[in-house]
C-alpha cells in the first residue's frame, strides 16, 4: 500500500510538470527549466518502476521533452 501511495505521488508530480509544460507550449513561453524539470521527474520515476508499459510512456515523455528542449535552444540561438 505504501509503495502504491508513493507511486501515485510521483505520478502526480509528473502530471503537474506536464501541465506547466503544456501551458508554456500553448502560450509560447515554455522554458528550458520547465523541460529540465520534466526530464528530472521522468528520470526519478524511471528509477522506481519495473513496469514495461510505464517505461514506454516515460520514454515517450522524455523523448518529447528532449525534442522541445532542442527546438527551444535552436530558436534561442537564431534570435
Protein backbone atom coordinates (compact mmCIF):
# COMPACT_ATOMS: atom_id res chain seq x y z
CA UNK A 1 0.00 0.00 0.00
CA UNK A 2 2.83 2.40 0.86
CA UNK A 3 4.57 1.64 -2.44
CA UNK A 4 1.39 2.44 -4.33
CA UNK A 5 0.97 5.69 -2.38
CA UNK A 6 4.50 6.79 -3.30
CA UNK A 7 3.92 5.86 -6.95
CA UNK A 8 0.75 7.96 -7.05
CA UNK A 9 2.62 10.87 -5.51
CA UNK A 10 5.41 10.65 -8.10
CA UNK A 11 2.88 10.34 -10.92
CA UNK A 12 1.12 13.45 -9.62
CA UNK A 13 4.42 15.31 -9.71
CA UNK A 14 4.99 14.34 -13.35
CA UNK A 15 1.45 15.38 -14.26
CA UNK A 16 1.94 18.76 -12.57
CA UNK A 17 5.14 19.37 -14.53
CA UNK A 18 3.47 18.20 -17.76
CA UNK A 19 0.67 20.70 -17.14
CA UNK A 20 3.22 23.51 -16.72
CA UNK A 21 4.96 22.48 -19.94
CA UNK A 22 1.65 22.28 -21.80
CA UNK A 23 0.69 25.78 -20.71
CA UNK A 24 4.13 27.05 -21.66
CA UNK A 25 3.98 25.45 -25.08
CA UNK A 26 0.49 26.80 -25.78
CA UNK A 27 1.45 30.30 -24.66
CA UNK A 28 4.82 30.22 -26.41
CA UNK A 29 6.58 30.71 -23.09
CA UNK A 30 7.94 27.27 -22.25
CA UNK A 31 11.32 27.49 -20.56
CA UNK A 32 14.34 25.24 -20.56
CA UNK A 33 13.89 24.96 -16.78
CA UNK A 34 10.36 23.56 -17.27
CA UNK A 35 11.66 20.95 -19.70
CA UNK A 36 14.61 20.05 -17.48
CA UNK A 37 12.23 19.66 -14.52
CA UNK A 38 10.13 17.30 -16.63
CA UNK A 39 13.16 15.24 -17.64
CA UNK A 40 14.23 15.01 -13.99
CA UNK A 41 10.76 13.93 -12.86
CA UNK A 42 10.75 11.20 -15.52
CA UNK A 43 14.24 10.02 -14.52
CA UNK A 44 13.19 9.86 -10.88
CA UNK A 45 10.10 7.81 -11.75
CA UNK A 46 12.07 5.50 -14.04
CA UNK A 47 14.38 4.63 -11.12
CA UNK A 48 11.39 3.46 -9.08
CA UNK A 49 9.47 1.38 -11.62
CA UNK A 50 9.68 -2.06 -13.13
CA UNK A 51 6.56 -1.82 -15.31
CA UNK A 52 7.23 -2.14 -19.06
CA UNK A 53 4.18 -0.14 -20.11
CA UNK A 54 5.06 2.70 -17.76
CA UNK A 55 8.63 2.60 -19.08
CA UNK A 56 7.22 3.09 -22.60
CA UNK A 57 5.20 6.11 -21.55
CA UNK A 58 8.17 7.57 -19.71
CA UNK A 59 10.33 7.04 -22.79
CA UNK A 60 7.83 8.94 -24.92
CA UNK A 61 7.64 11.82 -22.44
CA UNK A 62 11.41 12.01 -22.14
CA UNK A 63 11.86 11.98 -25.93
CA UNK A 64 9.27 14.73 -26.40
CA UNK A 65 10.90 16.85 -23.69
CA UNK A 66 14.28 16.44 -25.40
CA UNK A 67 12.78 17.45 -28.77
CA UNK A 68 11.13 20.55 -27.28
CA UNK A 69 14.33 21.48 -25.47
CA UNK A 70 16.31 21.19 -28.72
CA UNK A 71 13.74 23.34 -30.54
CA UNK A 72 13.93 25.95 -27.78
CA UNK A 73 17.72 26.02 -27.87
CA UNK A 74 17.69 26.32 -31.66
CA UNK A 75 15.22 29.22 -31.50
CA UNK A 76 17.32 30.96 -28.85
CA UNK A 77 20.46 30.65 -30.98
CA UNK A 78 18.64 32.05 -34.02
CA UNK A 79 17.33 35.05 -32.07
